[in-house]
Amino acid sequence: MDDLVTERLVLHPLSVMEAERVAAGEPDSEDRWAPGYPADGDMVGARRFLTTCAITGDPQPFGAYEIRRREDGRAVGGLGFHGAPDEDRRVTIGYGLIPSAQGQGYASEALRELLRFARSRGITRVDGDADQDNVASHHVMSAAGMRLVSEDEELKYYRITWPEASGVF
């Protein structure tokens, strides 16, 4: 699977070996991690990806991606799908950045690219959620074109749908 490239970022699909290192927080000599990466959320996402791989096989291209800055190649966060699409071609996403990379528009840029990619692969709906008090994440999903569809005491739920799937599933 090829990297997804935006103006400032590279979204690199994690292999099982790379995900194992992220989950353990232990880089090897080839990893280029910014200070503070991986954060707890990155390790959780890598573990979720590894669990999916163990149960159903590697879901790529609907797996985990590392967010890297193009300018220096350093990993500053992660995003990805929580698993392969369901029978209605729907997926759930998650993302996060290390604190030093926040507030620069990276999360919105990465999420827009992941949504574009999902649509090109025939996905009909993408869901995401954020804690009630995570205003920055609410802004990221809105900026990427997702809309608030519901909320409860803990979370706000966002979604984007496309009436007709385009691309190949």
N, C-alpha and C. Protein backbone atom coordinates (compact mmCIF):
# COMPACT_ATOMS: atom_id res chain seq x y z
N MET A 1 0.86 -1.17 0.00
CA MET A 1 0.00 0.00 0.00
C MET A 1 0.90 1.23 0.00
N ASP A 2 0.59 2.17 -0.85
CA ASP A 2 1.37 3.40 -0.96
C ASP A 2 0.98 4.40 0.13
N ASP A 3 1.91 5.30 0.42
CA ASP A 3 1.63 6.42 1.32
C ASP A 3 0.59 7.33 0.68
N LEU A 4 -0.18 8.01 1.53
CA LEU A 4 -1.08 9.07 1.09
C LEU A 4 -0.35 10.37 1.38
N VAL A 5 -0.30 11.27 0.40
CA VAL A 5 0.49 12.48 0.53
C VAL A 5 -0.39 13.71 0.40
N THR A 6 -0.21 14.65 1.33
CA THR A 6 -0.89 15.93 1.28
C THR A 6 0.16 17.02 1.10
N GLU A 7 -0.27 18.25 1.15
CA GLU A 7 0.68 19.36 0.97
C GLU A 7 1.81 19.32 1.98
N ARG A 8 1.48 19.03 3.26
CA ARG A 8 2.50 19.07 4.31
C ARG A 8 2.77 17.75 4.99
N LEU A 9 1.99 16.72 4.66
CA LEU A 9 2.05 15.47 5.42
C LEU A 9 2.17 14.25 4.52
N VAL A 10 2.68 13.19 5.13
CA VAL A 10 2.65 11.86 4.53
C VAL A 10 1.89 10.98 5.51
N LEU A 11 0.86 10.29 5.02
CA LEU A 11 0.12 9.33 5.83
C LEU A 11 0.63 7.95 5.42
N HIS A 12 1.40 7.37 6.32
CA HIS A 12 2.09 6.12 6.03
C HIS A 12 1.33 4.95 6.64
N PRO A 13 0.85 4.00 5.80
CA PRO A 13 0.15 2.83 6.34
C PRO A 13 1.13 1.96 7.14
N LEU A 14 0.75 1.67 8.37
CA LEU A 14 1.63 0.89 9.24
C LEU A 14 1.61 -0.59 8.87
N SER A 15 2.77 -1.18 8.83
CA SER A 15 2.88 -2.64 8.72
C SER A 15 2.69 -3.20 10.13
N VAL A 16 2.54 -4.50 10.22
CA VAL A 16 2.42 -5.14 11.54
C VAL A 16 3.68 -4.87 12.37
N MET A 17 4.85 -4.97 11.76
CA MET A 17 6.09 -4.74 12.51
C MET A 17 6.18 -3.30 13.01
N GLU A 18 5.80 -2.34 12.17
CA GLU A 18 5.82 -0.94 12.59
C GLU A 18 4.81 -0.70 13.71
N ALA A 19 3.63 -1.29 13.59
CA ALA A 19 2.60 -1.14 14.62
C ALA A 19 3.06 -1.75 15.95
N GLU A 20 3.78 -2.85 15.90
CA GLU A 20 4.30 -3.46 17.13
C GLU A 20 5.26 -2.49 17.83
N ARG A 21 6.10 -1.80 17.06
CA ARG A 21 7.03 -0.84 17.67
C ARG A 21 6.28 0.36 18.25
N VAL A 22 5.27 0.85 17.52
CA VAL A 22 4.48 1.98 18.04
C VAL A 22 3.75 1.54 19.31
N ALA A 23 3.14 0.37 19.30
CA ALA A 23 2.40 -0.12 20.47
C ALA A 23 3.31 -0.24 21.69
N ALA A 24 4.56 -0.62 21.46
CA ALA A 24 5.51 -0.78 22.56
C ALA A 24 6.23 0.52 22.89
N GLY A 25 6.12 1.51 21.99
CA GLY A 25 6.83 2.78 22.20
C GLY A 25 8.33 2.63 22.05
N GLU A 26 8.76 1.67 21.22
CA GLU A 26 10.18 1.37 21.06
C GLU A 26 10.59 1.45 19.59
N PRO A 27 11.15 2.58 19.16
CA PRO A 27 11.56 2.71 17.77
C PRO A 27 12.79 1.87 17.46
N ASP A 28 12.96 1.55 16.17
CA ASP A 28 14.23 0.97 15.76
C ASP A 28 15.01 2.05 15.01
N SER A 29 16.14 1.71 14.48
CA SER A 29 17.02 2.72 13.88
C SER A 29 16.41 3.38 12.65
N GLU A 30 15.42 2.76 12.01
CA GLU A 30 14.80 3.34 10.82
C GLU A 30 13.64 4.28 11.14
N ASP A 31 13.09 4.19 12.34
CA ASP A 31 11.96 5.03 12.71
C ASP A 31 12.43 6.45 12.97
N ARG A 32 11.66 7.42 12.46
CA ARG A 32 11.96 8.83 12.69
C ARG A 32 10.77 9.42 13.42
N TRP A 33 10.86 9.41 14.73
CA TRP A 33 9.76 9.89 15.58
C TRP A 33 10.11 11.24 16.17
N ALA A 34 9.16 12.17 16.12
CA ALA A 34 9.33 13.45 16.80
C ALA A 34 9.27 13.20 18.31
N PRO A 35 9.92 14.05 19.11
CA PRO A 35 9.84 13.89 20.57
C PRO A 35 8.38 13.87 21.03
N GLY A 36 8.04 12.89 21.85
CA GLY A 36 6.67 12.75 22.35
C GLY A 36 5.83 11.75 21.59
N TYR A 37 6.36 11.25 20.46
CA TYR A 37 5.65 10.23 19.69
C TYR A 37 6.26 8.88 20.00
N PRO A 38 5.45 7.85 20.20
CA PRO A 38 4.01 7.83 20.15
C PRO A 38 3.38 8.26 21.47
N ALA A 39 2.25 8.95 21.38
CA ALA A 39 1.47 9.31 22.56
C ALA A 39 0.60 8.10 22.93
N ASP A 40 -0.05 8.18 24.07
CA ASP A 40 -0.91 7.07 24.51
C ASP A 40 -1.92 6.67 23.45
N GLY A 41 -2.57 7.65 22.81
CA GLY A 41 -3.56 7.36 21.78
C GLY A 41 -2.98 6.62 20.59
N ASP A 42 -1.73 6.95 20.24
CA ASP A 42 -1.07 6.26 19.13
C ASP A 42 -0.83 4.79 19.49
N MET A 43 -0.43 4.56 20.73
CA MET A 43 -0.18 3.18 21.17
C MET A 43 -1.48 2.39 21.21
N VAL A 44 -2.56 3.02 21.67
CA VAL A 44 -3.88 2.36 21.68
C VAL A 44 -4.31 2.01 20.26
N GLY A 45 -4.16 2.98 19.34
CA GLY A 45 -4.52 2.74 17.95
C GLY A 45 -3.71 1.61 17.32
N ALA A 46 -2.42 1.56 17.61
CA ALA A 46 -1.57 0.49 17.09
C ALA A 46 -1.99 -0.86 17.66
N ARG A 47 -2.35 -0.90 18.93
CA ARG A 47 -2.82 -2.16 19.54
C ARG A 47 -4.14 -2.61 18.90
N ARG A 48 -5.04 -1.66 18.64
CA ARG A 48 -6.32 -1.99 18.00
C ARG A 48 -6.05 -2.59 16.62
N PHE A 49 -5.14 -1.97 15.87
CA PHE A 49 -4.77 -2.47 14.55
C PHE A 49 -4.19 -3.88 14.65
N LEU A 50 -3.30 -4.11 15.61
CA LEU A 50 -2.70 -5.44 15.78
C LEU A 50 -3.74 -6.49 16.16
N THR A 51 -4.70 -6.11 16.99
CA THR A 51 -5.78 -7.03 17.36
C THR A 51 -6.61 -7.39 16.14
N THR A 52 -6.94 -6.39 15.33
CA THR A 52 -7.69 -6.64 14.10
C THR A 52 -6.92 -7.58 13.19
N CYS A 53 -5.63 -7.33 13.04
CA CYS A 53 -4.79 -8.20 12.20
C CYS A 53 -4.81 -9.64 12.71
N ALA A 54 -4.74 -9.81 14.02
CA ALA A 54 -4.71 -11.15 14.61
C ALA A 54 -6.04 -11.88 14.42
N ILE A 55 -7.14 -11.14 14.46
CA ILE A 55 -8.47 -11.77 14.38
C ILE A 55 -8.93 -11.99 12.95
N THR A 56 -8.79 -10.95 12.11
CA THR A 56 -9.37 -11.03 10.76
C THR A 56 -8.35 -10.83 9.65
N GLY A 57 -7.11 -10.60 9.98
CA GLY A 57 -6.10 -10.32 8.98
C GLY A 57 -5.89 -8.83 8.82
N ASP A 58 -4.87 -8.47 8.09
CA ASP A 58 -4.52 -7.07 7.88
C ASP A 58 -5.63 -6.38 7.09
N PRO A 59 -6.25 -5.34 7.65
CA PRO A 59 -7.37 -4.68 6.97
C PRO A 59 -6.95 -3.62 5.95
N GLN A 60 -5.61 -3.44 5.73
CA GLN A 60 -5.16 -2.39 4.82
C GLN A 60 -5.86 -2.54 3.47
N PRO A 61 -6.30 -1.46 2.92
CA PRO A 61 -5.93 -0.09 3.23
C PRO A 61 -6.75 0.55 4.35
N PHE A 62 -7.60 -0.23 5.01
CA PHE A 62 -8.45 0.32 6.08
C PHE A 62 -7.87 0.01 7.45
N GLY A 63 -6.60 0.35 7.62
CA GLY A 63 -5.90 0.11 8.86
C GLY A 63 -5.39 1.39 9.47
N ALA A 64 -4.25 1.28 10.13
CA ALA A 64 -3.63 2.40 10.85
C ALA A 64 -2.58 3.10 9.99
N TYR A 65 -2.51 4.41 10.15
CA TYR A 65 -1.55 5.24 9.43
C TYR A 65 -0.77 6.10 10.42
N GLU A 66 0.49 6.30 10.12
CA GLU A 66 1.31 7.21 10.89
C GLU A 66 1.31 8.56 10.16
N ILE A 67 1.13 9.65 10.89
CA ILE A 67 1.17 10.99 10.31
C ILE A 67 2.60 11.49 10.42
N ARG A 68 3.20 11.76 9.26
CA ARG A 68 4.58 12.26 9.21
C ARG A 68 4.60 13.62 8.52
N ARG A 69 5.44 14.51 9.05
CA ARG A 69 5.64 15.80 8.37
C ARG A 69 6.50 15.57 7.14
N ARG A 70 6.12 16.17 6.03
CA ARG A 70 6.92 16.04 4.81
C ARG A 70 8.26 16.75 4.96
N GLU A 71 8.30 17.87 5.68
CA GLU A 71 9.51 18.68 5.78
C GLU A 71 10.68 17.94 6.42
N ASP A 72 10.40 17.05 7.38
CA ASP A 72 11.50 16.35 8.04
C ASP A 72 11.28 14.84 8.18
N GLY A 73 10.13 14.35 7.74
CA GLY A 73 9.85 12.92 7.78
C GLY A 73 9.52 12.37 9.16
N ARG A 74 9.42 13.23 10.16
CA ARG A 74 9.18 12.76 11.53
C ARG A 74 7.71 12.47 11.79
N ALA A 75 7.44 11.37 12.49
CA ALA A 75 6.08 11.00 12.88
C ALA A 75 5.62 11.90 14.01
N VAL A 76 4.42 12.46 13.85
CA VAL A 76 3.86 13.38 14.85
C VAL A 76 2.49 12.94 15.34
N GLY A 77 2.00 11.81 14.85
CA GLY A 77 0.68 11.33 15.28
C GLY A 77 0.24 10.15 14.45
N GLY A 78 -1.01 9.81 14.66
CA GLY A 78 -1.57 8.68 13.93
C GLY A 78 -3.03 8.91 13.63
N LEU A 79 -3.51 8.20 12.64
CA LEU A 79 -4.93 8.19 12.33
C LEU A 79 -5.21 6.91 11.58
N GLY A 80 -6.47 6.62 11.46
CA GLY A 80 -6.81 5.43 10.69
C GLY A 80 -8.22 4.97 10.96
N PHE A 81 -8.47 3.82 10.39
CA PHE A 81 -9.78 3.18 10.48
C PHE A 81 -9.77 2.19 11.63
N HIS A 82 -10.90 2.04 12.28
CA HIS A 82 -10.99 1.10 13.39
C HIS A 82 -11.17 -0.33 12.91
N GLY A 83 -11.14 -0.54 11.63
CA GLY A 83 -11.27 -1.87 11.04
C GLY A 83 -11.78 -1.77 9.63
N ALA A 84 -11.92 -2.91 9.01
CA ALA A 84 -12.41 -2.97 7.63
C ALA A 84 -13.86 -2.47 7.57
N PRO A 85 -14.29 -2.06 6.40
CA PRO A 85 -15.68 -1.61 6.25
C PRO A 85 -16.67 -2.72 6.57
N ASP A 86 -17.85 -2.31 7.05
CA ASP A 86 -18.91 -3.29 7.29
C ASP A 86 -19.63 -3.60 5.98
N GLU A 87 -20.68 -4.40 6.04
CA GLU A 87 -21.38 -4.83 4.83
C GLU A 87 -22.05 -3.68 4.08
N ASP A 88 -22.28 -2.57 4.77
CA ASP A 88 -22.86 -1.38 4.13
C ASP A 88 -21.80 -0.38 3.71
N ARG A 89 -20.54 -0.80 3.76
CA ARG A 89 -19.38 0.01 3.36
C ARG A 89 -19.23 1.25 4.24
N ARG A 90 -19.38 1.05 5.55
CA ARG A 90 -19.19 2.11 6.53
C ARG A 90 -17.96 1.80 7.37
N VAL A 91 -17.28 2.87 7.82
CA VAL A 91 -16.10 2.73 8.66
C VAL A 91 -16.13 3.77 9.78
N THR A 92 -15.31 3.52 10.79
CA THR A 92 -15.12 4.47 11.88
C THR A 92 -13.65 4.85 11.89
N ILE A 93 -13.39 6.13 12.20
CA ILE A 93 -12.02 6.63 12.19
C ILE A 93 -11.63 7.19 13.55
N GLY A 94 -10.34 7.33 13.73
CA GLY A 94 -9.78 7.98 14.91
C GLY A 94 -8.46 8.63 14.52
N TYR A 95 -8.00 9.58 15.33
CA TYR A 95 -6.77 10.29 15.01
C TYR A 95 -6.25 10.97 16.27
N GLY A 96 -4.99 11.37 16.21
CA GLY A 96 -4.39 12.13 17.30
C GLY A 96 -3.02 12.63 16.90
N LEU A 97 -2.61 13.72 17.54
CA LEU A 97 -1.30 14.31 17.31
C LEU A 97 -0.60 14.52 18.64
N ILE A 98 0.72 14.50 18.61
CA ILE A 98 1.47 14.85 19.82
C ILE A 98 1.25 16.34 20.10
N PRO A 99 1.36 16.77 21.34
CA PRO A 99 1.08 18.18 21.68
C PRO A 99 1.85 19.19 20.84
N SER A 100 3.12 18.94 20.54
CA SER A 100 3.91 19.93 19.79
C SER A 100 3.43 20.10 18.35
N ALA A 101 2.64 19.17 17.84
CA ALA A 101 2.13 19.25 16.46
C ALA A 101 0.70 19.76 16.39
N GLN A 102 0.08 19.97 17.54
CA GLN A 102 -1.31 20.43 17.56
C GLN A 102 -1.39 21.92 17.24
N GLY A 103 -2.56 22.33 16.76
CA GLY A 103 -2.80 23.74 16.49
C GLY A 103 -2.20 24.26 15.19
N GLN A 104 -1.75 23.36 14.32
CA GLN A 104 -1.13 23.76 13.06
C GLN A 104 -1.93 23.30 11.84
N GLY A 105 -3.11 22.73 12.09
CA GLY A 105 -3.95 22.27 10.99
C GLY A 105 -3.59 20.89 10.46
N TYR A 106 -2.63 20.21 11.08
CA TYR A 106 -2.24 18.88 10.61
C TYR A 106 -3.37 17.86 10.70
N ALA A 107 -4.10 17.87 11.81
CA ALA A 107 -5.16 16.86 11.99
C ALA A 107 -6.24 17.03 10.94
N SER A 108 -6.66 18.26 10.68
CA SER A 108 -7.70 18.49 9.65
C SER A 108 -7.18 18.09 8.27
N GLU A 109 -5.94 18.43 7.97
CA GLU A 109 -5.35 18.08 6.68
C GLU A 109 -5.28 16.56 6.51
N ALA A 110 -4.84 15.87 7.55
CA ALA A 110 -4.75 14.41 7.49
C ALA A 110 -6.12 13.78 7.37
N LEU A 111 -7.08 14.27 8.16
CA LEU A 111 -8.42 13.68 8.12
C LEU A 111 -9.09 13.93 6.77
N ARG A 112 -8.93 15.11 6.20
CA ARG A 112 -9.50 15.37 4.87
C ARG A 112 -8.96 14.36 3.85
N GLU A 113 -7.66 14.08 3.92
CA GLU A 113 -7.07 13.12 2.98
C GLU A 113 -7.60 11.71 3.23
N LEU A 114 -7.73 11.33 4.49
CA LEU A 114 -8.25 9.99 4.79
C LEU A 114 -9.69 9.85 4.32
N LEU A 115 -10.49 10.91 4.47
CA LEU A 115 -11.87 10.88 3.99
C LEU A 115 -11.92 10.81 2.46
N ARG A 116 -11.07 11.57 1.80
CA ARG A 116 -11.00 11.51 0.35
C ARG A 116 -10.65 10.09 -0.11
N PHE A 117 -9.67 9.51 0.56
CA PHE A 117 -9.25 8.15 0.25
C PHE A 117 -10.39 7.16 0.47
N ALA A 118 -11.09 7.28 1.60
CA ALA A 118 -12.21 6.38 1.90
C ALA A 118 -13.27 6.45 0.81
N ARG A 119 -13.62 7.66 0.43
CA ARG A 119 -14.64 7.82 -0.61
C ARG A 119 -14.17 7.21 -1.92
N SER A 120 -12.90 7.38 -2.27
CA SER A 120 -12.37 6.83 -3.52
C SER A 120 -12.36 5.31 -3.51
N ARG A 121 -12.42 4.72 -2.32
CA ARG A 121 -12.44 3.27 -2.18
C ARG A 121 -13.86 2.71 -2.00
N GLY A 122 -14.88 3.55 -2.24
CA GLY A 122 -16.25 3.07 -2.20
C GLY A 122 -16.93 3.12 -0.86
N ILE A 123 -16.33 3.77 0.11
CA ILE A 123 -16.96 3.90 1.43
C ILE A 123 -18.15 4.85 1.32
N THR A 124 -19.25 4.50 1.98
CA THR A 124 -20.47 5.31 1.93
C THR A 124 -20.67 6.18 3.16
N ARG A 125 -20.02 5.81 4.28
CA ARG A 125 -20.19 6.59 5.52
C ARG A 125 -18.97 6.42 6.41
N VAL A 126 -18.56 7.53 7.02
CA VAL A 126 -17.45 7.52 7.97
C VAL A 126 -17.95 8.15 9.27
N ASP A 127 -17.74 7.46 10.38
CA ASP A 127 -18.13 7.94 11.70
C ASP A 127 -16.90 8.23 12.54
N GLY A 128 -17.03 9.19 13.45
CA GLY A 128 -15.98 9.50 14.41
C GLY A 128 -16.62 10.11 15.65
N ASP A 129 -15.89 10.14 16.73
CA ASP A 129 -16.42 10.75 17.95
C ASP A 129 -15.30 11.41 18.73
N ALA A 130 -15.69 12.27 19.64
CA ALA A 130 -14.72 12.96 20.50
C ALA A 130 -15.39 13.26 21.84
N ASP A 131 -14.58 13.30 22.89
CA ASP A 131 -15.09 13.67 24.20
C ASP A 131 -15.78 15.03 24.12
N GLN A 132 -16.79 15.22 24.97
CA GLN A 132 -17.54 16.48 25.00
C GLN A 132 -16.63 17.70 25.12
N ASP A 133 -15.58 17.58 25.93
CA ASP A 133 -14.73 18.75 26.18
C ASP A 133 -13.55 18.88 25.20
N ASN A 134 -13.48 18.02 24.20
CA ASN A 134 -12.39 18.07 23.22
C ASN A 134 -12.79 18.96 22.04
N VAL A 135 -12.85 20.24 22.31
CA VAL A 135 -13.30 21.21 21.31
C VAL A 135 -12.41 21.19 20.07
N ALA A 136 -11.12 21.01 20.25
CA ALA A 136 -10.20 20.98 19.10
C ALA A 136 -10.58 19.85 18.14
N SER A 137 -10.92 18.68 18.68
CA SER A 137 -11.29 17.55 17.83
C SER A 137 -12.63 17.82 17.14
N HIS A 138 -13.54 18.50 17.82
CA HIS A 138 -14.81 18.86 17.17
C HIS A 138 -14.52 19.74 15.96
N HIS A 139 -13.60 20.69 16.11
CA HIS A 139 -13.24 21.58 15.01
C HIS A 139 -12.57 20.80 13.87
N VAL A 140 -11.73 19.84 14.21
CA VAL A 140 -11.04 19.04 13.19
C VAL A 140 -12.06 18.30 12.33
N MET A 141 -13.00 17.61 12.96
CA MET A 141 -13.98 16.85 12.18
C MET A 141 -14.87 17.77 11.36
N SER A 142 -15.27 18.89 11.92
CA SER A 142 -16.08 19.85 11.16
C SER A 142 -15.30 20.41 9.98
N ALA A 143 -14.03 20.76 10.21
CA ALA A 143 -13.20 21.32 9.14
C ALA A 143 -12.99 20.32 8.01
N ALA A 144 -13.03 19.04 8.33
CA ALA A 144 -12.82 18.00 7.33
C ALA A 144 -14.12 17.64 6.61
N GLY A 145 -15.23 18.26 7.00
CA GLY A 145 -16.50 18.02 6.33
C GLY A 145 -17.46 17.11 7.06
N MET A 146 -17.09 16.64 8.24
CA MET A 146 -17.99 15.79 9.03
C MET A 146 -18.97 16.68 9.78
N ARG A 147 -20.15 16.14 10.06
CA ARG A 147 -21.19 16.91 10.74
C ARG A 147 -21.58 16.22 12.04
N LEU A 148 -21.86 17.06 13.04
CA LEU A 148 -22.34 16.54 14.32
C LEU A 148 -23.71 15.91 14.10
N VAL A 149 -23.86 14.63 14.51
CA VAL A 149 -25.13 13.94 14.31
C VAL A 149 -25.82 13.60 15.62
N SER A 150 -25.07 13.52 16.72
CA SER A 150 -25.68 13.26 18.02
C SER A 150 -24.64 13.47 19.11
N GLU A 151 -25.10 13.43 20.34
CA GLU A 151 -24.19 13.51 21.48
C GLU A 151 -24.86 12.89 22.69
N ASP A 152 -24.02 12.50 23.63
CA ASP A 152 -24.51 12.02 24.92
C ASP A 152 -23.70 12.73 26.00
N GLU A 153 -23.77 12.25 27.22
CA GLU A 153 -23.07 12.93 28.31
C GLU A 153 -21.56 12.92 28.14
N GLU A 154 -21.03 11.93 27.44
CA GLU A 154 -19.58 11.80 27.31
C GLU A 154 -19.02 12.23 25.96
N LEU A 155 -19.74 11.93 24.89
CA LEU A 155 -19.18 12.08 23.54
C LEU A 155 -20.08 12.89 22.60
N LYS A 156 -19.42 13.48 21.59
CA LYS A 156 -20.10 14.05 20.44
C LYS A 156 -19.76 13.15 19.26
N TYR A 157 -20.78 12.83 18.45
CA TYR A 157 -20.63 11.90 17.34
C TYR A 157 -20.74 12.65 16.01
N TYR A 158 -19.78 12.40 15.14
CA TYR A 158 -19.71 13.06 13.85
C TYR A 158 -19.80 12.03 12.73
N ARG A 159 -20.25 12.51 11.56
CA ARG A 159 -20.42 11.59 10.43
C ARG A 159 -20.33 12.37 9.12
N ILE A 160 -19.86 11.67 8.12
CA ILE A 160 -19.97 12.15 6.74
C ILE A 160 -20.49 10.98 5.93
N THR A 161 -21.44 11.28 5.04
CA THR A 161 -22.00 10.24 4.17
C THR A 161 -21.93 10.72 2.73
N TRP A 162 -21.85 9.75 1.86
CA TRP A 162 -21.88 10.01 0.43
C TRP A 162 -23.01 9.17 -0.14
N PRO A 163 -23.97 9.79 -0.83
CA PRO A 163 -25.15 9.08 -1.29
C PRO A 163 -24.82 7.92 -2.23
N GLU A 164 -23.81 8.09 -3.04
CA GLU A 164 -23.40 7.01 -3.94
C GLU A 164 -21.91 6.79 -3.77
N ALA A 165 -21.57 5.55 -3.59
CA ALA A 165 -20.16 5.23 -3.46
C ALA A 165 -19.47 5.40 -4.80
N SER A 166 -18.30 5.99 -4.76
CA SER A 166 -17.50 6.10 -5.96
C SER A 166 -16.23 5.30 -5.71
N GLY A 167 -15.61 4.87 -6.76
CA GLY A 167 -14.37 4.14 -6.59
C GLY A 167 -14.60 2.65 -6.44
N VAL A 168 -13.53 1.96 -6.06
CA VAL A 168 -13.55 0.51 -5.95
C VAL A 168 -13.43 0.11 -4.50
N PHE A 169 -14.26 -0.80 -4.07
CA PHE A 169 -14.25 -1.28 -2.69
C PHE A 169 -13.25 -2.38 -2.53
